[in-house]
Amino acid sequence: MGSNASLNKELSDGTTEEKKELIWGYGTGVAAATTPDYGDIVLAEHTLPFNEGDITYFRPLYHQSVLALDHFPTHITADAAYDAWYVYDTVARRGGIAAIPLNARSTTTFDPDGTPHYPIGLRMSPTFHYAHTNGYRALRYRCPLLFPLAVGQSCDHEQFLKGKGCQKEINDEPGGRARLLMDRTSPLYKAVYTQRTSCERINSQAKELGIECRHPSTTDVLSPTSIL
C-alpha cells in the first residue's frame, strides 16, 4: 500500500513549491514499558500498510499489552496523534491517566466539573444525553439565558439573536471528560509522559540492529505502565 506525502520546497526566489512523494511500504508500531530491573521491554508490535493513520495502531497494541502484562495498565502515554477519547477511556475507568498532549480543537473553557462556559462566561445548562454517531454518550448543553427557562437577560451573540442560543455537545464518557479536564502540568502527568521515551529507545535499538524499515520508519506509539 502507498500514501502521498506533500513536501514544501523553498525556491531561490523565496517562494515555495509543493512536491508530491509517493511512499510505499509498511509502518510498525510498538508498545513498550520500562522496568527497574531490566530496562526497556517491548510488550506489543503491530504492522500496518503505511497509508493507515497512527491512531489505527492503538487498539491492537493495547490489547496485546494487556495480554502480555496479564492485567490492565494503570497509566499509558503516547504522542498527540493518539489524542482520542477512547484512548483516555481505557485507563480513566480504572483511575489512571493517559498522558497525551491535547490537540485543542475548540476555544471553549470549562469549570472543574466539566461544565462548558457560555461565550460571556456563564455556566451552560445541561439538557439531555444522546448516543453520538462516533460511539460515545454525549451531553448537550444549551444557553443559560434561555434554558431551562428564559431569564430575561440579553446577549449579542449571533445564535442568541436567532432565538435559539448557543449549544455545546460534550463527550460525557469518562475518557471524554478526562481528555478535556486533565491537568497536564501535574507531577503525575509529567512523570507518566516522560516514559514515552521508552518507545524512542526501542526504535533506536531497532535501527542499530538493522531490523527497522528504512522508509517509512518505526512509529512511536504507546508506553503502558502499571508501576506508578
Protein backbone atom coordinates (compact mmCIF):
# COMPACT_ATOMS: atom_id res chain seq x y z
CA MET A 1 0.00 0.00 0.00
CA GLY A 2 1.12 3.56 -0.54
CA SER A 3 0.35 7.07 0.56
CA ASN A 4 1.04 10.57 -0.70
CA ALA A 5 3.27 12.89 1.28
CA SER A 6 3.46 16.59 0.45
CA LEU A 7 6.70 18.50 0.95
CA ASN A 8 7.17 22.24 0.52
CA LYS A 9 10.46 23.05 -1.21
CA GLU A 10 11.77 26.61 -0.90
CA LEU A 11 12.96 28.06 -4.19
CA SER A 12 15.79 30.57 -4.73
CA ASP A 13 13.34 33.46 -5.12
CA GLY A 14 11.84 32.78 -1.69
CA THR A 15 8.65 31.14 -2.94
CA THR A 16 7.71 27.56 -2.16
CA GLU A 17 6.85 24.70 -4.46
CA GLU A 18 4.81 21.70 -3.38
CA LYS A 19 6.43 18.37 -4.18
CA LYS A 20 4.48 15.12 -4.06
CA GLU A 21 6.17 11.97 -2.83
CA LEU A 22 4.58 8.53 -3.17
CA ILE A 23 5.61 6.26 -0.31
CA TRP A 24 5.18 2.50 -0.44
CA GLY A 25 5.66 0.09 2.41
CA TYR A 26 4.62 -0.63 5.95
CA GLY A 27 4.84 1.05 9.33
CA THR A 28 5.41 -0.73 12.61
CA GLY A 29 4.03 0.46 15.93
CA VAL A 30 5.30 -0.70 19.30
CA ALA A 31 4.11 -0.64 22.88
CA ALA A 32 6.96 -0.53 25.37
CA ALA A 33 7.48 -0.23 29.12
CA THR A 34 10.40 0.30 31.45
CA THR A 35 11.13 -1.97 34.41
CA PRO A 36 13.56 -1.10 37.23
CA ASP A 37 15.49 -4.38 36.87
CA TYR A 38 15.69 -4.89 33.11
CA GLY A 39 15.05 -1.56 31.44
CA ASP A 40 13.01 -1.09 28.27
CA ILE A 41 10.92 -4.02 27.07
CA VAL A 42 8.58 -4.43 24.10
CA LEU A 43 5.09 -5.52 25.10
CA ALA A 44 3.46 -5.45 21.67
CA GLU A 45 4.14 -4.84 17.99
CA HIS A 46 1.77 -4.22 15.13
CA THR A 47 2.47 -3.62 11.45
CA LEU A 48 0.11 -1.90 9.03
CA PRO A 49 0.29 -0.55 5.49
CA PHE A 50 1.76 2.93 5.53
CA ASN A 51 -1.47 4.57 4.41
CA GLU A 52 -3.08 3.80 7.78
CA GLY A 53 -3.25 6.59 10.36
CA ASP A 54 -1.28 6.47 13.61
CA ILE A 55 -4.40 6.11 15.77
CA THR A 56 -5.19 2.82 13.96
CA TYR A 57 -2.35 1.15 15.86
CA PHE A 58 -3.80 1.85 19.29
CA ARG A 59 -6.38 -0.86 19.84
CA PRO A 60 -4.32 -3.85 18.65
CA LEU A 61 -1.29 -2.64 20.62
CA TYR A 62 -3.35 -2.04 23.76
CA HIS A 63 -4.98 -5.48 23.57
CA GLN A 64 -1.61 -7.19 23.10
CA SER A 65 -0.15 -5.22 26.02
CA VAL A 66 -2.96 -6.30 28.36
CA LEU A 67 -2.30 -9.93 27.45
CA ALA A 68 1.46 -9.53 27.94
CA LEU A 69 1.04 -7.85 31.33
CA ASP A 70 -1.82 -10.13 32.40
CA HIS A 71 -3.63 -7.06 33.73
CA PHE A 72 -4.76 -3.64 32.58
CA PRO A 73 -2.06 -0.94 32.74
CA THR A 74 -2.71 1.81 35.26
CA HIS A 75 -1.41 4.62 33.06
CA ILE A 76 -0.43 4.96 29.40
CA THR A 77 1.31 7.65 27.40
CA ALA A 78 1.62 8.44 23.71
CA ASP A 79 2.14 11.44 21.44
CA ALA A 80 -0.54 13.85 20.25
CA ALA A 81 -1.54 11.60 17.33
CA TYR A 82 -3.37 9.45 19.91
CA ASP A 83 -5.46 12.26 21.37
CA ALA A 84 -8.78 10.39 21.06
CA TRP A 85 -11.41 9.95 23.76
CA TYR A 86 -11.36 6.14 23.64
CA VAL A 87 -7.62 6.10 24.34
CA TYR A 88 -8.20 8.03 27.58
CA ASP A 89 -11.21 5.85 28.35
CA THR A 90 -9.14 2.67 28.67
CA VAL A 91 -7.45 3.97 31.83
CA ALA A 92 -9.89 6.64 33.09
CA ARG A 93 -12.39 3.91 34.05
CA ARG A 94 -9.74 2.36 36.31
CA GLY A 95 -8.44 5.50 37.99
CA GLY A 96 -5.43 6.01 35.71
CA ILE A 97 -4.44 8.68 33.22
CA ALA A 98 -3.43 8.76 29.58
CA ALA A 99 -0.60 11.28 29.41
CA ILE A 100 -1.18 12.61 25.89
CA PRO A 101 -0.85 16.22 24.67
CA LEU A 102 -4.18 17.85 23.83
CA ASN A 103 -4.93 18.73 20.23
CA ALA A 104 -7.07 21.76 21.02
CA ARG A 105 -9.93 21.89 18.53
CA SER A 106 -12.01 24.43 20.41
CA THR A 107 -11.60 27.58 22.50
CA THR A 108 -14.39 26.54 24.89
CA THR A 109 -13.46 26.83 28.57
CA PHE A 110 -14.79 24.59 31.33
CA ASP A 111 -15.49 24.60 35.05
CA PRO A 112 -13.62 21.95 37.08
CA ASP A 113 -16.72 19.71 36.96
CA GLY A 114 -16.68 19.74 33.16
CA THR A 115 -19.49 22.23 32.57
CA PRO A 116 -18.71 24.34 29.48
CA HIS A 117 -18.90 28.12 29.60
CA TYR A 118 -21.19 30.29 27.53
CA PRO A 119 -19.25 32.85 25.41
CA ILE A 120 -19.91 35.55 28.04
CA GLY A 121 -18.54 33.31 30.80
CA LEU A 122 -21.69 31.79 32.33
CA ARG A 123 -22.11 28.08 33.02
CA MET A 124 -24.18 26.43 30.29
CA SER A 125 -27.29 24.38 31.16
CA PRO A 126 -27.28 20.59 30.63
CA THR A 127 -30.34 19.33 28.78
CA PHE A 128 -30.22 15.69 27.64
CA HIS A 129 -27.94 12.76 26.79
CA TYR A 130 -27.88 11.00 23.45
CA ALA A 131 -25.83 8.41 21.56
CA HIS A 132 -23.31 10.22 19.38
CA THR A 133 -22.55 8.78 15.94
CA ASN A 134 -18.88 8.47 16.96
CA GLY A 135 -19.78 5.87 19.57
CA TYR A 136 -19.88 7.80 22.83
CA ARG A 137 -22.54 9.11 25.19
CA ALA A 138 -22.88 12.84 24.62
CA LEU A 139 -24.47 15.55 26.75
CA ARG A 140 -25.99 18.60 25.12
CA TYR A 141 -25.64 21.95 26.89
CA ARG A 142 -27.76 24.96 25.97
CA CYS A 143 -27.69 28.72 26.51
CA PRO A 144 -28.12 29.53 30.24
CA LEU A 145 -30.07 32.67 29.36
CA LEU A 146 -32.77 30.57 27.67
CA PHE A 147 -32.63 27.14 29.32
CA PRO A 148 -34.18 25.70 31.35
CA LEU A 149 -36.14 28.97 31.42
CA ALA A 150 -35.55 32.38 29.86
CA VAL A 151 -34.13 34.76 32.47
CA GLY A 152 -34.87 38.00 30.62
CA GLN A 153 -31.22 38.84 30.04
CA SER A 154 -29.99 39.57 26.51
CA CYS A 155 -26.78 38.71 24.69
CA ASP A 156 -25.33 39.99 21.42
CA HIS A 157 -24.11 36.54 20.30
CA GLU A 158 -25.28 35.57 16.81
CA GLN A 159 -27.08 32.42 17.98
CA PHE A 160 -28.89 34.27 20.74
CA LEU A 161 -30.14 36.85 18.27
CA LYS A 162 -31.57 34.00 16.19
CA GLY A 163 -33.63 32.97 19.20
CA LYS A 164 -32.11 29.58 19.96
CA GLY A 165 -28.88 30.45 21.78
CA CYS A 166 -25.60 28.58 21.81
CA GLN A 167 -25.32 24.85 22.33
CA LYS A 168 -22.42 22.53 23.00
CA GLU A 169 -22.16 18.75 22.68
CA ILE A 170 -19.76 17.30 25.24
CA ASN A 171 -18.40 13.75 25.29
CA ASP A 172 -19.72 12.51 28.64
CA GLU A 173 -17.74 9.27 28.79
CA PRO A 174 -15.00 9.05 31.47
CA GLY A 175 -12.38 9.23 28.71
CA GLY A 176 -14.05 12.23 27.08
CA ARG A 177 -14.11 14.14 30.36
CA ALA A 178 -10.54 13.13 31.22
CA ARG A 179 -9.28 14.34 27.86
CA LEU A 180 -10.65 17.85 28.40
CA LEU A 181 -10.14 18.25 32.14
CA MET A 182 -6.78 16.59 32.79
CA ASP A 183 -4.15 18.77 34.45
CA ARG A 184 -1.26 18.46 32.02
CA THR A 185 1.00 20.45 34.35
CA SER A 186 0.69 17.99 37.25
CA PRO A 187 3.67 15.95 38.51
CA LEU A 188 1.82 12.71 37.69
CA TYR A 189 1.20 13.73 34.08
CA LYS A 190 4.84 14.77 33.62
CA ALA A 191 6.13 11.56 35.21
CA VAL A 192 3.99 9.34 33.00
CA TYR A 193 4.62 11.35 29.82
CA THR A 194 8.38 11.10 30.33
CA GLN A 195 8.10 7.33 29.92
CA ARG A 196 7.12 7.79 26.27
CA THR A 197 10.85 7.90 25.53
CA SER A 198 10.87 4.13 26.10
CA CYS A 199 9.42 3.71 22.59
CA GLU A 200 12.04 6.05 21.17
CA ARG A 201 14.84 3.99 22.72
CA ILE A 202 13.31 0.78 21.33
CA ASN A 203 13.23 2.36 17.87
CA SER A 204 16.87 3.40 18.19
CA GLN A 205 17.80 -0.17 19.08
CA ALA A 206 15.91 -1.41 16.02
CA LYS A 207 17.94 0.93 13.82
CA GLU A 208 21.22 -0.25 15.37
CA LEU A 209 20.26 -3.89 14.78
CA GLY A 210 19.18 -3.19 11.21
CA ILE A 211 15.69 -4.58 11.74
CA GLU A 212 13.80 -1.35 11.16
CA CYS A 213 12.19 -0.44 7.84
CA ARG A 214 14.27 2.40 6.45
CA HIS A 215 11.35 4.16 4.83
CA PRO A 216 8.93 4.53 6.47
CA SER A 217 10.36 4.30 9.96
CA THR A 218 9.01 2.61 13.04
CA THR A 219 6.24 4.55 14.74
CA ASP A 220 6.38 5.70 18.37
CA VAL A 221 3.04 4.66 19.78
CA LEU A 222 2.33 3.58 23.30
CA SER A 223 4.06 3.24 26.64
CA PRO A 224 1.91 1.50 29.25
CA THR A 225 2.92 1.46 32.89
CA SER A 226 1.42 -0.12 35.94
CA ILE A 227 4.09 0.83 38.46
CA LEU A 228 3.28 4.50 39.18
